[in-house]
Amino acid sequence: MNGECYFCHGLVLADESEDIVLQDHGDHRVFLHRQCAAGYNVIETRVGPSSGADVVCPVCGDVESL
């Protein structure tokens, strides 16, 4: 499942570690490059025992954990 980055409109490949696909909420999918998401401040890295990242959907504002 590939798509277009919401921000830069470049190709996002779902199998790439630096590409993000938000699909666990709403009735839409959002494709992001990790670099674009960081540049637009929609990704926040968690530290501590539950490491990972949270991404705010630029379409609806829901937060999805990676």
PDB file of N, CA and C in Angstrom:
ATOM      1  N   MET A   1       0.841  -1.159   0.000  1.00  0.00           N
ATOM      2  CA  MET A   1       0.000   0.000   0.000  1.00  0.00           C
ATOM      3  C   MET A   1       0.898   1.238   0.000  1.00  0.00           C
ATOM      4  N   ASN A   2       0.947   1.906  -1.093  1.00  0.00           N
ATOM      5  CA  ASN A   2       1.751   3.108  -1.256  1.00  0.00           C
ATOM      6  C   ASN A   2       0.828   4.297  -1.471  1.00  0.00           C
ATOM      7  N   GLY A   3       1.346   5.486  -1.247  1.00  0.00           N
ATOM      8  CA  GLY A   3       0.532   6.680  -1.439  1.00  0.00           C
ATOM      9  C   GLY A   3       1.396   7.912  -1.544  1.00  0.00           C
ATOM     10  N   GLU A   4       0.750   9.053  -1.482  1.00  0.00           N
ATOM     11  CA  GLU A   4       1.397  10.345  -1.638  1.00  0.00           C
ATOM     12  C   GLU A   4       1.518  11.030  -0.285  1.00  0.00           C
ATOM     13  N   CYS A   5       2.697  11.546   0.022  1.00  0.00           N
ATOM     14  CA  CYS A   5       2.920  12.250   1.285  1.00  0.00           C
ATOM     15  C   CYS A   5       1.969  13.439   1.389  1.00  0.00           C
ATOM     16  N   TYR A   6       1.313  13.549   2.513  1.00  0.00           N
ATOM     17  CA  TYR A   6       0.357  14.625   2.749  1.00  0.00           C
ATOM     18  C   TYR A   6       1.006  15.999   2.599  1.00  0.00           C
ATOM     19  N   PHE A   7       2.279  16.112   2.989  1.00  0.00           N
ATOM     20  CA  PHE A   7       2.951  17.407   2.989  1.00  0.00           C
ATOM     21  C   PHE A   7       3.692  17.711   1.693  1.00  0.00           C
ATOM     22  N   CYS A   8       4.565  16.826   1.236  1.00  0.00           N
ATOM     23  CA  CYS A   8       5.408  17.145   0.074  1.00  0.00           C
ATOM     24  C   CYS A   8       4.913  16.515  -1.220  1.00  0.00           C
ATOM     25  N   HIS A   9       3.925  15.634  -1.128  1.00  0.00           N
ATOM     26  CA  HIS A   9       3.324  14.955  -2.276  1.00  0.00           C
ATOM     27  C   HIS A   9       4.269  13.976  -2.961  1.00  0.00           C
ATOM     28  N   GLY A  10       5.363  13.614  -2.277  1.00  0.00           N
ATOM     29  CA  GLY A  10       6.262  12.598  -2.795  1.00  0.00           C
ATOM     30  C   GLY A  10       5.722  11.202  -2.503  1.00  0.00           C
ATOM     31  N   LEU A  11       6.305  10.196  -3.115  1.00  0.00           N
ATOM     32  CA  LEU A  11       5.863   8.815  -2.961  1.00  0.00           C
ATOM     33  C   LEU A  11       6.229   8.280  -1.577  1.00  0.00           C
ATOM     34  N   VAL A  12       5.251   7.692  -0.896  1.00  0.00           N
ATOM     35  CA  VAL A  12       5.452   7.049   0.404  1.00  0.00           C
ATOM     36  C   VAL A  12       5.267   5.553   0.202  1.00  0.00           C
ATOM     37  N   LEU A  13       6.276   4.777   0.592  1.00  0.00           N
ATOM     38  CA  LEU A  13       6.233   3.328   0.472  1.00  0.00           C
ATOM     39  C   LEU A  13       5.971   2.739   1.860  1.00  0.00           C
ATOM     40  N   ALA A  14       4.890   2.022   2.005  1.00  0.00           N
ATOM     41  CA  ALA A  14       4.478   1.497   3.311  1.00  0.00           C
ATOM     42  C   ALA A  14       5.519   0.558   3.924  1.00  0.00           C
ATOM     43  N   ASP A  15       6.358  -0.056   3.107  1.00  0.00           N
ATOM     44  CA  ASP A  15       7.356  -1.007   3.616  1.00  0.00           C
ATOM     45  C   ASP A  15       8.645  -0.337   4.084  1.00  0.00           C
ATOM     46  N   GLU A  16       8.799   0.952   3.856  1.00  0.00           N
ATOM     47  CA  GLU A  16      10.016   1.661   4.233  1.00  0.00           C
ATOM     48  C   GLU A  16       9.942   2.104   5.692  1.00  0.00           C
ATOM     49  N   SER A  17      11.034   1.975   6.413  1.00  0.00           N
ATOM     50  CA  SER A  17      11.047   2.319   7.837  1.00  0.00           C
ATOM     51  C   SER A  17      10.900   3.822   8.079  1.00  0.00           C
ATOM     52  N   GLU A  18      11.258   4.649   7.121  1.00  0.00           N
ATOM     53  CA  GLU A  18      11.163   6.101   7.285  1.00  0.00           C
ATOM     54  C   GLU A  18       9.849   6.669   6.775  1.00  0.00           C
ATOM     55  N   ASP A  19       8.938   5.822   6.339  1.00  0.00           N
ATOM     56  CA  ASP A  19       7.641   6.268   5.849  1.00  0.00           C
ATOM     57  C   ASP A  19       6.556   5.829   6.829  1.00  0.00           C
ATOM     58  N   ILE A  20       5.529   6.645   6.967  1.00  0.00           N
ATOM     59  CA  ILE A  20       4.467   6.422   7.951  1.00  0.00           C
ATOM     60  C   ILE A  20       3.127   6.364   7.229  1.00  0.00           C
ATOM     61  N   VAL A  21       2.325   5.368   7.582  1.00  0.00           N
ATOM     62  CA  VAL A  21       0.961   5.276   7.076  1.00  0.00           C
ATOM     63  C   VAL A  21       0.038   5.282   8.283  1.00  0.00           C
ATOM     64  N   LEU A  22      -0.800   6.303   8.386  1.00  0.00           N
ATOM     65  CA  LEU A  22      -1.793   6.376   9.455  1.00  0.00           C
ATOM     66  C   LEU A  22      -3.071   5.758   8.917  1.00  0.00           C
ATOM     67  N   GLN A  23      -3.510   4.673   9.553  1.00  0.00           N
ATOM     68  CA  GLN A  23      -4.690   3.985   9.033  1.00  0.00           C
ATOM     69  C   GLN A  23      -5.582   3.424  10.124  1.00  0.00           C
ATOM     70  N   ASP A  24      -5.253   3.623  11.378  1.00  0.00           N
ATOM     71  CA  ASP A  24      -6.005   3.025  12.470  1.00  0.00           C
ATOM     72  C   ASP A  24      -7.084   3.932  13.040  1.00  0.00           C
ATOM     73  N   HIS A  25      -7.491   4.932  12.299  1.00  0.00           N
ATOM     74  CA  HIS A  25      -8.533   5.835  12.783  1.00  0.00           C
ATOM     75  C   HIS A  25      -9.344   6.398  11.628  1.00  0.00           C
ATOM     76  N   GLY A  26     -10.550   6.819  11.904  1.00  0.00           N
ATOM     77  CA  GLY A  26     -11.359   7.505  10.895  1.00  0.00           C
ATOM     78  C   GLY A  26     -11.612   6.681   9.654  1.00  0.00           C
ATOM     79  N   ASP A  27     -12.039   7.339   8.635  1.00  0.00           N
ATOM     80  CA  ASP A  27     -12.351   6.689   7.367  1.00  0.00           C
ATOM     81  C   ASP A  27     -11.360   7.095   6.278  1.00  0.00           C
ATOM     82  N   HIS A  28     -10.150   7.422   6.685  1.00  0.00           N
ATOM     83  CA  HIS A  28      -9.141   7.870   5.725  1.00  0.00           C
ATOM     84  C   HIS A  28      -7.772   7.326   6.100  1.00  0.00           C
ATOM     85  N   ARG A  29      -6.892   7.296   5.133  1.00  0.00           N
ATOM     86  CA  ARG A  29      -5.491   6.927   5.349  1.00  0.00           C
ATOM     87  C   ARG A  29      -4.654   8.154   5.037  1.00  0.00           C
ATOM     88  N   VAL A  30      -3.596   8.330   5.814  1.00  0.00           N
ATOM     89  CA  VAL A  30      -2.693   9.454   5.579  1.00  0.00           C
ATOM     90  C   VAL A  30      -1.286   8.896   5.458  1.00  0.00           C
ATOM     91  N   PHE A  31      -0.595   9.288   4.417  1.00  0.00           N
ATOM     92  CA  PHE A  31       0.771   8.855   4.150  1.00  0.00           C
ATOM     93  C   PHE A  31       1.715  10.012   4.444  1.00  0.00           C
ATOM     94  N   LEU A  32       2.801   9.713   5.163  1.00  0.00           N
ATOM     95  CA  LEU A  32       3.762  10.745   5.547  1.00  0.00           C
ATOM     96  C   LEU A  32       5.190  10.212   5.441  1.00  0.00           C
ATOM     97  N   HIS A  33       6.109  11.073   5.025  1.00  0.00           N
ATOM     98  CA  HIS A  33       7.526  10.786   5.215  1.00  0.00           C
ATOM     99  C   HIS A  33       7.850  11.191   6.653  1.00  0.00           C
ATOM    100  N   ARG A  34       8.648  10.421   7.339  1.00  0.00           N
ATOM    101  CA  ARG A  34       9.003  10.743   8.725  1.00  0.00           C
ATOM    102  C   ARG A  34       9.649  12.126   8.806  1.00  0.00           C
ATOM    103  N   GLN A  35      10.480  12.479   7.849  1.00  0.00           N
ATOM    104  CA  GLN A  35      11.146  13.788   7.836  1.00  0.00           C
ATOM    105  C   GLN A  35      10.128  14.917   7.686  1.00  0.00           C
ATOM    106  N   CYS A  36       9.137  14.729   6.851  1.00  0.00           N
ATOM    107  CA  CYS A  36       8.088  15.750   6.681  1.00  0.00           C
ATOM    108  C   CYS A  36       7.268  15.880   7.956  1.00  0.00           C
ATOM    109  N   ALA A  37       6.916  14.755   8.562  1.00  0.00           N
ATOM    110  CA  ALA A  37       6.139  14.774   9.804  1.00  0.00           C
ATOM    111  C   ALA A  37       6.894  15.514  10.899  1.00  0.00           C
ATOM    112  N   ALA A  38       8.200  15.290  10.990  1.00  0.00           N
ATOM    113  CA  ALA A  38       9.007  15.986  11.989  1.00  0.00           C
ATOM    114  C   ALA A  38       9.084  17.473  11.681  1.00  0.00           C
ATOM    115  N   GLY A  39       9.215  17.818  10.417  1.00  0.00           N
ATOM    116  CA  GLY A  39       9.305  19.216  10.014  1.00  0.00           C
ATOM    117  C   GLY A  39       8.028  20.003  10.292  1.00  0.00           C
ATOM    118  N   TYR A  40       6.899  19.325  10.246  1.00  0.00           N
ATOM    119  CA  TYR A  40       5.614  19.974  10.516  1.00  0.00           C
ATOM    120  C   TYR A  40       5.140  19.731  11.950  1.00  0.00           C
ATOM    121  N   ASN A  41       6.018  19.185  12.786  1.00  0.00           N
ATOM    122  CA  ASN A  41       5.756  18.957  14.211  1.00  0.00           C
ATOM    123  C   ASN A  41       4.507  18.124  14.481  1.00  0.00           C
ATOM    124  N   VAL A  42       4.291  17.083  13.691  1.00  0.00           N
ATOM    125  CA  VAL A  42       3.162  16.196  13.948  1.00  0.00           C
ATOM    126  C   VAL A  42       3.607  14.847  14.516  1.00  0.00           C
ATOM    127  N   ILE A  43       4.909  14.696  14.777  1.00  0.00           N
ATOM    128  CA  ILE A  43       5.424  13.466  15.363  1.00  0.00           C
ATOM    129  C   ILE A  43       6.164  13.803  16.648  1.00  0.00           C
ATOM    130  N   GLU A  44       5.922  12.994  17.664  1.00  0.00           N
ATOM    131  CA  GLU A  44       6.591  13.191  18.938  1.00  0.00           C
ATOM    132  C   GLU A  44       7.120  11.844  19.421  1.00  0.00           C
ATOM    133  N   THR A  45       8.418  11.786  19.696  1.00  0.00           N
ATOM    134  CA  THR A  45       9.043  10.556  20.157  1.00  0.00           C
ATOM    135  C   THR A  45       8.858  10.407  21.659  1.00  0.00           C
ATOM    136  N   ARG A  46       8.376   9.230  22.076  1.00  0.00           N
ATOM    137  CA  ARG A  46       8.225   8.930  23.501  1.00  0.00           C
ATOM    138  C   ARG A  46       9.531   8.361  24.023  1.00  0.00           C
ATOM    139  N   VAL A  47       9.858   8.704  25.250  1.00  0.00           N
ATOM    140  CA  VAL A  47      11.034   8.138  25.909  1.00  0.00           C
ATOM    141  C   VAL A  47      10.574   7.423  27.168  1.00  0.00           C
ATOM    142  N   GLY A  48      11.400   6.517  27.626  1.00  0.00           N
ATOM    143  CA  GLY A  48      11.053   5.780  28.826  1.00  0.00           C
ATOM    144  C   GLY A  48      10.688   4.347  28.493  1.00  0.00           C
ATOM    145  N   PRO A  49       9.958   3.692  29.397  1.00  0.00           N
ATOM    146  CA  PRO A  49       9.643   2.275  29.222  1.00  0.00           C
ATOM    147  C   PRO A  49       8.782   1.997  27.987  1.00  0.00           C
ATOM    148  N   SER A  50       7.949   2.935  27.586  1.00  0.00           N
ATOM    149  CA  SER A  50       7.110   2.728  26.393  1.00  0.00           C
ATOM    150  C   SER A  50       7.636   3.578  25.249  1.00  0.00           C
ATOM    151  N   SER A  51       8.841   3.246  24.782  1.00  0.00           N
ATOM    152  CA  SER A  51       9.438   4.042  23.706  1.00  0.00           C
ATOM    153  C   SER A  51       8.660   3.831  22.413  1.00  0.00           C
ATOM    154  N   GLY A  52       8.752   4.779  21.545  1.00  0.00           N
ATOM    155  CA  GLY A  52       8.034   4.762  20.276  1.00  0.00           C
ATOM    156  C   GLY A  52       7.757   6.186  19.860  1.00  0.00           C
ATOM    157  N   ALA A  53       6.694   6.365  19.099  1.00  0.00           N
ATOM    158  CA  ALA A  53       6.345   7.709  18.653  1.00  0.00           C
ATOM    159  C   ALA A  53       4.839   7.834  18.511  1.00  0.00           C
ATOM    160  N   ASP A  54       4.357   9.042  18.713  1.00  0.00           N
ATOM    161  CA  ASP A  54       2.966   9.382  18.479  1.00  0.00           C
ATOM    162  C   ASP A  54       2.915  10.354  17.314  1.00  0.00           C
ATOM    163  N   VAL A  55       1.946  10.161  16.430  1.00  0.00           N
ATOM    164  CA  VAL A  55       1.785  11.031  15.267  1.00  0.00           C
ATOM    165  C   VAL A  55       0.379  11.607  15.297  1.00  0.00           C
ATOM    166  N   VAL A  56       0.289  12.922  15.126  1.00  0.00           N
ATOM    167  CA  VAL A  56      -1.005  13.593  15.038  1.00  0.00           C
ATOM    168  C   VAL A  56      -1.423  13.623  13.572  1.00  0.00           C
ATOM    169  N   CYS A  57      -2.595  13.101  13.287  1.00  0.00           N
ATOM    170  CA  CYS A  57      -3.091  13.092  11.916  1.00  0.00           C
ATOM    171  C   CYS A  57      -3.340  14.530  11.465  1.00  0.00           C
ATOM    172  N   PRO A  58      -2.720  14.961  10.366  1.00  0.00           N
ATOM    173  CA  PRO A  58      -2.925  16.330   9.899  1.00  0.00           C
ATOM    174  C   PRO A  58      -4.318  16.562   9.308  1.00  0.00           C
ATOM    175  N   VAL A  59      -5.069  15.510   9.059  1.00  0.00           N
ATOM    176  CA  VAL A  59      -6.406  15.638   8.493  1.00  0.00           C
ATOM    177  C   VAL A  59      -7.449  15.853   9.580  1.00  0.00           C
ATOM    178  N   CYS A  60      -7.412  14.989  10.631  1.00  0.00           N
ATOM    179  CA  CYS A  60      -8.482  15.029  11.636  1.00  0.00           C
ATOM    180  C   CYS A  60      -8.015  15.347  13.039  1.00  0.00           C
ATOM    181  N   GLY A  61      -6.698  15.328  13.290  1.00  0.00           N
ATOM    182  CA  GLY A  61      -6.177  15.664  14.611  1.00  0.00           C
ATOM    183  C   GLY A  61      -6.090  14.513  15.583  1.00  0.00           C
ATOM    184  N   ASP A  62      -6.520  13.304  15.197  1.00  0.00           N
ATOM    185  CA  ASP A  62      -6.379  12.140  16.072  1.00  0.00           C
ATOM    186  C   ASP A  62      -4.909  11.777  16.227  1.00  0.00           C
ATOM    187  N   VAL A  63      -4.572  11.153  17.348  1.00  0.00           N
ATOM    188  CA  VAL A  63      -3.202  10.740  17.622  1.00  0.00           C
ATOM    189  C   VAL A  63      -3.122   9.232  17.433  1.00  0.00           C
ATOM    190  N   GLU A  64      -2.103   8.801  16.696  1.00  0.00           N
ATOM    191  CA  GLU A  64      -1.881   7.383  16.460  1.00  0.00           C
ATOM    192  C   GLU A  64      -0.467   7.034  16.920  1.00  0.00           C
ATOM    193  N   SER A  65      -0.330   5.928  17.654  1.00  0.00           N
ATOM    194  CA  SER A  65       0.974   5.464  18.112  1.00  0.00           C
ATOM    195  C   SER A  65       1.615   4.583  17.051  1.00  0.00           C
ATOM    196  N   LEU A  66       2.922   4.752  16.906  1.00  0.00           N
ATOM    197  CA  LEU A  66       3.678   3.920  15.965  1.00  0.00           C
ATOM    198  C   LEU A  66       4.361   2.797  16.696  1.00  0.00           C
TER     199      LEU A  66
END
